[in-house]
Every structure is written in C-alpha cells, then in structure tokens.
Amino acid sequence: MRTSLATFLLLLAPVLGGCDQIGAALELPNPKKEAAEAEAEGRAIGSACRYSGRSLEDCYVLNPSAQKSFVFAGWKDMNDYMMEHKIEVVPSQLPQTVPPPKAPSAAPAAAPAAAAH
C-alpha cells in the first residue's frame, strides 16, 4: 500500500507542478509570468507617454525600472495608432515631477570679503 501511494504521488507531482494556483499558493517564482508582466507594463508606460505627448527620452527618465525595449515598443505602437486615426496628444494635467539636475556646489567666495567692509 505504501509503495502505491508513493507511486501515485510521484505520478501526480508533474501535473500539480504545472498548476498556477498551487504555484501561487506556494509563492513559487514563475519567470514566464514575470516576463509577461514586465512586457505589458513597459508597453503600457510607453503608450501612455506617447499619448500624453512625452518624448521617448523623458519616458525613460521617468520610468527607470521599466525595460527600455518594451517602453519603446509601446510608444511606437501608440504613435502608429495615433497617426493612423489622427488622434491628437492629450497633455498631462499634472505638474512635471522630474527632479532638477544636480548642479556642482559653488563656494561663496565673495560673501566674506563683502562682510569685512
């Protein structure tokens, strides 16, 4: 009886291993699913950037964690769609959130000389 149960479980393991629900419940990594999610997110980001009139370079800066190839593909797809259907850009109503570039710190040399007089 013990060997038949072990054999049954051994034969059932490949079937259960492919089940997404069991994999999710056990929190097993799924590289194919993660890659598909990254592609979908990158394409959505690129499409949104193009629709709002942002340049591709701005889109890369605003979304550094997104893969550039997927962002580009989404941006290009939306560009083609907008050109084909003559859709105008819808500018963003939110303020720009790009941090200003860091300037090199300059030492205030003139301030002590002016204070001495």
N, C-alpha and C. Protein backbone atom coordinates (compact mmCIF):
# COMPACT_ATOMS: atom_id res chain seq x y z
N MET A 1 0.83 -1.19 0.00
CA MET A 1 0.00 0.00 0.00
C MET A 1 0.87 1.25 0.00
N ARG A 2 1.94 1.22 0.77
CA ARG A 2 2.81 2.38 0.88
C ARG A 2 3.49 2.69 -0.46
N THR A 3 3.90 1.71 -1.21
CA THR A 3 4.55 1.95 -2.49
C THR A 3 3.56 2.46 -3.52
N SER A 4 2.31 2.02 -3.45
CA SER A 4 1.33 2.51 -4.42
C SER A 4 0.99 3.97 -4.15
N LEU A 5 0.96 4.38 -2.89
CA LEU A 5 0.71 5.78 -2.54
C LEU A 5 1.88 6.65 -3.00
N ALA A 6 3.09 6.17 -2.78
CA ALA A 6 4.27 6.91 -3.21
C ALA A 6 4.32 7.01 -4.74
N THR A 7 3.97 5.95 -5.41
CA THR A 7 3.94 5.96 -6.88
C THR A 7 2.88 6.93 -7.37
N PHE A 8 1.71 6.93 -6.73
CA PHE A 8 0.63 7.84 -7.12
C PHE A 8 1.07 9.30 -6.95
N LEU A 9 1.68 9.61 -5.83
CA LEU A 9 2.15 10.98 -5.59
C LEU A 9 3.27 11.37 -6.56
N LEU A 10 4.10 10.43 -6.89
CA LEU A 10 5.18 10.69 -7.83
C LEU A 10 4.62 10.98 -9.22
N LEU A 11 3.59 10.25 -9.63
CA LEU A 11 2.97 10.48 -10.93
C LEU A 11 2.13 11.76 -10.94
N LEU A 12 1.61 12.14 -9.79
CA LEU A 12 0.78 13.33 -9.69
C LEU A 12 1.60 14.61 -9.60
N ALA A 13 2.85 14.53 -9.19
CA ALA A 13 3.70 15.71 -8.98
C ALA A 13 3.86 16.57 -10.23
N PRO A 14 4.14 16.01 -11.42
CA PRO A 14 4.27 16.88 -12.59
C PRO A 14 2.96 17.59 -12.95
N VAL A 15 1.85 16.95 -12.72
CA VAL A 15 0.56 17.58 -13.02
C VAL A 15 0.32 18.75 -12.07
N LEU A 16 0.60 18.55 -10.80
CA LEU A 16 0.39 19.61 -9.82
C LEU A 16 1.44 20.71 -9.94
N GLY A 17 2.61 20.37 -10.39
CA GLY A 17 3.67 21.37 -10.54
C GLY A 17 3.34 22.41 -11.60
N GLY A 18 2.55 22.06 -12.58
CA GLY A 18 2.18 22.99 -13.63
C GLY A 18 0.98 23.84 -13.30
N CYS A 19 0.36 23.60 -12.20
CA CYS A 19 -0.85 24.32 -11.82
C CYS A 19 -0.48 25.71 -11.29
N ASP A 20 -1.02 26.74 -11.91
CA ASP A 20 -0.71 28.11 -11.50
C ASP A 20 -1.20 28.42 -10.09
N GLN A 21 -2.33 27.90 -9.73
CA GLN A 21 -2.88 28.19 -8.41
C GLN A 21 -2.00 27.61 -7.31
N ILE A 22 -1.51 26.42 -7.50
CA ILE A 22 -0.64 25.81 -6.49
C ILE A 22 0.69 26.56 -6.44
N GLY A 23 1.21 26.92 -7.61
CA GLY A 23 2.45 27.69 -7.65
C GLY A 23 2.31 29.03 -6.96
N ALA A 24 1.16 29.68 -7.14
CA ALA A 24 0.91 30.97 -6.49
C ALA A 24 0.74 30.78 -4.99
N ALA A 25 0.05 29.73 -4.59
CA ALA A 25 -0.16 29.47 -3.16
C ALA A 25 1.17 29.18 -2.46
N LEU A 26 2.05 28.50 -3.15
CA LEU A 26 3.37 28.19 -2.57
C LEU A 26 4.38 29.30 -2.81
N GLU A 27 3.95 30.36 -3.50
CA GLU A 27 4.80 31.50 -3.83
C GLU A 27 6.06 31.08 -4.58
N LEU A 28 5.87 30.19 -5.56
CA LEU A 28 6.98 29.75 -6.39
C LEU A 28 7.22 30.79 -7.48
N PRO A 29 8.47 31.09 -7.81
CA PRO A 29 8.73 32.06 -8.87
C PRO A 29 8.30 31.50 -10.23
N ASN A 30 7.74 32.38 -11.05
CA ASN A 30 7.30 32.00 -12.38
C ASN A 30 7.92 32.98 -13.38
N PRO A 31 9.09 32.64 -13.94
CA PRO A 31 9.79 33.59 -14.81
C PRO A 31 8.98 34.00 -16.04
N LYS A 32 8.21 33.10 -16.61
CA LYS A 32 7.42 33.44 -17.80
C LYS A 32 6.35 34.47 -17.46
N LYS A 33 5.71 34.28 -16.33
CA LYS A 33 4.66 35.22 -15.91
C LYS A 33 5.26 36.59 -15.59
N GLU A 34 6.40 36.60 -14.90
CA GLU A 34 7.06 37.85 -14.55
C GLU A 34 7.52 38.59 -15.80
N ALA A 35 8.02 37.86 -16.80
CA ALA A 35 8.46 38.49 -18.05
C ALA A 35 7.27 39.07 -18.80
N ALA A 36 6.16 38.34 -18.81
CA ALA A 36 4.96 38.84 -19.49
C ALA A 36 4.41 40.09 -18.80
N GLU A 37 4.45 40.11 -17.48
CA GLU A 37 4.00 41.29 -16.73
C GLU A 37 4.91 42.49 -16.99
N ALA A 38 6.22 42.25 -17.04
CA ALA A 38 7.17 43.34 -17.31
C ALA A 38 6.96 43.90 -18.71
N GLU A 39 6.69 43.03 -19.68
CA GLU A 39 6.44 43.50 -21.05
C GLU A 39 5.16 44.30 -21.12
N ALA A 40 4.10 43.80 -20.49
CA ALA A 40 2.82 44.51 -20.53
C ALA A 40 2.93 45.87 -19.86
N GLU A 41 3.63 45.92 -18.73
CA GLU A 41 3.79 47.19 -18.02
C GLU A 41 4.63 48.18 -18.83
N GLY A 42 5.72 47.70 -19.42
CA GLY A 42 6.56 48.57 -20.23
C GLY A 42 5.83 49.13 -21.44
N ARG A 43 5.05 48.29 -22.10
CA ARG A 43 4.27 48.74 -23.26
C ARG A 43 3.21 49.75 -22.84
N ALA A 44 2.59 49.52 -21.69
CA ALA A 44 1.58 50.46 -21.20
C ALA A 44 2.22 51.81 -20.87
N ILE A 45 3.38 51.78 -20.27
CA ILE A 45 4.09 53.02 -19.94
C ILE A 45 4.44 53.78 -21.22
N GLY A 46 4.97 53.08 -22.21
CA GLY A 46 5.33 53.71 -23.47
C GLY A 46 4.12 54.30 -24.17
N SER A 47 3.02 53.57 -24.18
CA SER A 47 1.80 54.08 -24.81
C SER A 47 1.29 55.32 -24.11
N ALA A 48 1.29 55.30 -22.79
CA ALA A 48 0.82 56.46 -22.04
C ALA A 48 1.71 57.67 -22.27
N CYS A 49 3.00 57.44 -22.35
CA CYS A 49 3.92 58.55 -22.61
C CYS A 49 3.65 59.18 -23.97
N ARG A 50 3.46 58.37 -24.97
CA ARG A 50 3.20 58.90 -26.32
C ARG A 50 1.86 59.62 -26.37
N TYR A 51 0.85 59.06 -25.74
CA TYR A 51 -0.48 59.67 -25.76
C TYR A 51 -0.49 61.03 -25.07
N SER A 52 0.36 61.16 -24.04
CA SER A 52 0.42 62.43 -23.31
C SER A 52 1.41 63.41 -23.93
N GLY A 53 2.09 63.00 -25.01
CA GLY A 53 3.00 63.90 -25.72
C GLY A 53 4.40 63.94 -25.15
N ARG A 54 4.75 63.01 -24.29
CA ARG A 54 6.10 62.98 -23.75
C ARG A 54 7.05 62.36 -24.78
N SER A 55 8.27 62.84 -24.75
CA SER A 55 9.27 62.24 -25.64
C SER A 55 9.68 60.89 -25.07
N LEU A 56 10.25 60.09 -25.92
CA LEU A 56 10.70 58.77 -25.51
C LEU A 56 11.78 58.87 -24.43
N GLU A 57 12.67 59.84 -24.57
CA GLU A 57 13.74 60.02 -23.59
C GLU A 57 13.17 60.41 -22.23
N ASP A 58 12.15 61.29 -22.21
CA ASP A 58 11.51 61.66 -20.95
C ASP A 58 10.86 60.44 -20.30
N CYS A 59 10.28 59.62 -21.12
CA CYS A 59 9.63 58.41 -20.62
C CYS A 59 10.64 57.49 -19.95
N TYR A 60 11.82 57.36 -20.56
CA TYR A 60 12.87 56.54 -19.96
C TYR A 60 13.30 57.11 -18.61
N VAL A 61 13.46 58.43 -18.53
CA VAL A 61 13.90 59.06 -17.29
C VAL A 61 12.85 58.91 -16.19
N LEU A 62 11.59 59.06 -16.55
CA LEU A 62 10.52 58.99 -15.56
C LEU A 62 10.24 57.57 -15.09
N ASN A 63 10.66 56.57 -15.86
CA ASN A 63 10.39 55.17 -15.53
C ASN A 63 11.67 54.34 -15.65
N PRO A 64 12.62 54.57 -14.75
CA PRO A 64 13.92 53.89 -14.89
C PRO A 64 13.85 52.38 -14.67
N SER A 65 12.83 51.89 -13.98
CA SER A 65 12.76 50.46 -13.72
C SER A 65 12.15 49.67 -14.87
N ALA A 66 11.50 50.36 -15.82
CA ALA A 66 10.89 49.68 -16.96
C ALA A 66 11.95 49.36 -18.01
N GLN A 67 11.79 48.23 -18.68
CA GLN A 67 12.73 47.86 -19.73
C GLN A 67 12.53 48.78 -20.94
N LYS A 68 13.62 49.34 -21.40
CA LYS A 68 13.55 50.31 -22.48
C LYS A 68 12.97 49.73 -23.77
N SER A 69 13.26 48.49 -24.05
CA SER A 69 12.75 47.89 -25.29
C SER A 69 11.23 47.79 -25.26
N PHE A 70 10.65 47.47 -24.11
CA PHE A 70 9.20 47.37 -24.01
C PHE A 70 8.56 48.75 -24.03
N VAL A 71 9.20 49.72 -23.38
CA VAL A 71 8.69 51.09 -23.39
C VAL A 71 8.70 51.61 -24.82
N PHE A 72 9.78 51.37 -25.54
CA PHE A 72 9.86 51.81 -26.93
C PHE A 72 8.78 51.16 -27.78
N ALA A 73 8.56 49.85 -27.60
CA ALA A 73 7.55 49.15 -28.39
C ALA A 73 6.16 49.74 -28.14
N GLY A 74 5.85 50.02 -26.88
CA GLY A 74 4.55 50.62 -26.56
C GLY A 74 4.42 52.03 -27.11
N TRP A 75 5.50 52.80 -27.02
CA TRP A 75 5.50 54.18 -27.54
C TRP A 75 5.29 54.16 -29.05
N LYS A 76 5.99 53.27 -29.74
CA LYS A 76 5.90 53.18 -31.19
C LYS A 76 4.50 52.70 -31.62
N ASP A 77 3.97 51.70 -30.94
CA ASP A 77 2.63 51.22 -31.27
C ASP A 77 1.59 52.33 -31.12
N MET A 78 1.69 53.09 -30.04
CA MET A 78 0.74 54.18 -29.83
C MET A 78 0.94 55.28 -30.85
N ASN A 79 2.19 55.55 -31.22
CA ASN A 79 2.46 56.56 -32.24
C ASN A 79 1.81 56.16 -33.57
N ASP A 80 2.00 54.92 -33.96
CA ASP A 80 1.40 54.44 -35.21
C ASP A 80 -0.12 54.52 -35.15
N TYR A 81 -0.70 54.13 -34.02
CA TYR A 81 -2.15 54.16 -33.84
C TYR A 81 -2.67 55.60 -33.92
N MET A 82 -1.98 56.52 -33.24
CA MET A 82 -2.41 57.91 -33.24
C MET A 82 -2.30 58.53 -34.63
N MET A 83 -1.25 58.19 -35.36
CA MET A 83 -1.10 58.72 -36.72
C MET A 83 -2.18 58.17 -37.64
N GLU A 84 -2.45 56.89 -37.51
CA GLU A 84 -3.44 56.25 -38.37
C GLU A 84 -4.85 56.80 -38.14
N HIS A 85 -5.18 57.06 -36.88
CA HIS A 85 -6.53 57.52 -36.54
C HIS A 85 -6.61 59.03 -36.32
N LYS A 86 -5.52 59.73 -36.59
CA LYS A 86 -5.46 61.19 -36.47
C LYS A 86 -5.90 61.65 -35.08
N ILE A 87 -5.31 61.04 -34.07
CA ILE A 87 -5.61 61.36 -32.67
C ILE A 87 -4.59 62.38 -32.19
N GLU A 88 -5.06 63.43 -31.56
CA GLU A 88 -4.19 64.47 -31.03
C GLU A 88 -3.66 64.06 -29.65
N VAL A 89 -2.55 64.66 -29.29
CA VAL A 89 -1.93 64.43 -27.98
C VAL A 89 -2.83 65.02 -26.90
N VAL A 90 -2.94 64.30 -25.79
CA VAL A 90 -3.67 64.79 -24.63
C VAL A 90 -2.63 65.11 -23.56
N PRO A 91 -2.30 66.40 -23.40
CA PRO A 91 -1.22 66.73 -22.45
C PRO A 91 -1.63 66.42 -21.02
N SER A 92 -0.64 66.08 -20.23
CA SER A 92 -0.86 65.77 -18.82
C SER A 92 -1.28 67.03 -18.06
N GLN A 93 -2.20 66.87 -17.14
CA GLN A 93 -2.66 67.99 -16.31
C GLN A 93 -1.88 68.07 -15.01
N LEU A 94 -1.05 67.07 -14.74
CA LEU A 94 -0.26 67.04 -13.52
C LEU A 94 1.05 67.80 -13.73
N PRO A 95 1.58 68.40 -12.68
CA PRO A 95 2.87 69.11 -12.82
C PRO A 95 3.99 68.11 -13.08
N GLN A 96 5.03 68.59 -13.73
CA GLN A 96 6.19 67.75 -14.01
C GLN A 96 6.84 67.36 -12.69
N THR A 97 7.23 66.10 -12.56
CA THR A 97 7.85 65.62 -11.32
C THR A 97 9.30 65.20 -11.53
N VAL A 98 9.90 65.63 -12.62
CA VAL A 98 11.29 65.29 -12.88
C VAL A 98 12.16 66.14 -11.97
N PRO A 99 13.03 65.53 -11.15
CA PRO A 99 13.89 66.33 -10.29
C PRO A 99 14.89 67.12 -11.12
N PRO A 100 15.20 68.34 -10.70
CA PRO A 100 16.17 69.13 -11.46
C PRO A 100 17.54 68.49 -11.36
N PRO A 101 18.38 68.67 -12.39
CA PRO A 101 19.72 68.10 -12.34
C PRO A 101 20.54 68.74 -11.23
N LYS A 102 21.37 67.93 -10.62
CA LYS A 102 22.20 68.43 -9.52
C LYS A 102 23.33 69.28 -10.09
N ALA A 103 23.42 70.53 -9.60
CA ALA A 103 24.48 71.44 -10.03
C ALA A 103 25.66 71.29 -9.09
N PRO A 104 26.88 71.46 -9.60
CA PRO A 104 28.04 71.39 -8.70
C PRO A 104 27.97 72.54 -7.70
N SER A 105 28.29 72.24 -6.47
CA SER A 105 28.21 73.28 -5.43
C SER A 105 29.36 74.28 -5.61
N ALA A 106 29.00 75.55 -5.58
CA ALA A 106 29.99 76.62 -5.73
C ALA A 106 30.24 77.23 -4.36
N ALA A 107 31.50 77.44 -4.02
CA ALA A 107 31.85 78.04 -2.73
C ALA A 107 31.61 79.55 -2.80
N PRO A 108 30.90 80.10 -1.84
CA PRO A 108 30.65 81.56 -1.86
C PRO A 108 31.91 82.31 -1.43
N ALA A 109 32.73 82.71 -2.39
CA ALA A 109 34.00 83.39 -2.10
C ALA A 109 33.79 84.87 -1.89
N ALA A 110 32.79 85.50 -2.50
CA ALA A 110 32.62 86.93 -2.41
C ALA A 110 31.94 87.36 -1.11
N ALA A 111 31.24 86.48 -0.46
CA ALA A 111 30.47 86.86 0.74
C ALA A 111 31.39 87.31 1.89
N PRO A 112 32.49 86.60 2.23
CA PRO A 112 33.32 87.08 3.35
C PRO A 112 34.01 88.40 3.06
N ALA A 113 34.39 88.66 1.84
CA ALA A 113 35.08 89.90 1.51
C ALA A 113 34.12 91.09 1.64
N ALA A 114 32.87 90.90 1.27
CA ALA A 114 31.88 91.97 1.35
C ALA A 114 31.52 92.26 2.81
N ALA A 115 31.57 91.28 3.67
CA ALA A 115 31.20 91.46 5.06
C ALA A 115 32.29 92.23 5.82
N ALA A 116 33.55 92.17 5.36
CA ALA A 116 34.65 92.84 6.04
C ALA A 116 34.62 94.34 5.88
N HIS A 117 33.99 94.86 4.86
CA HIS A 117 33.97 96.32 4.63
C HIS A 117 32.88 96.94 5.34
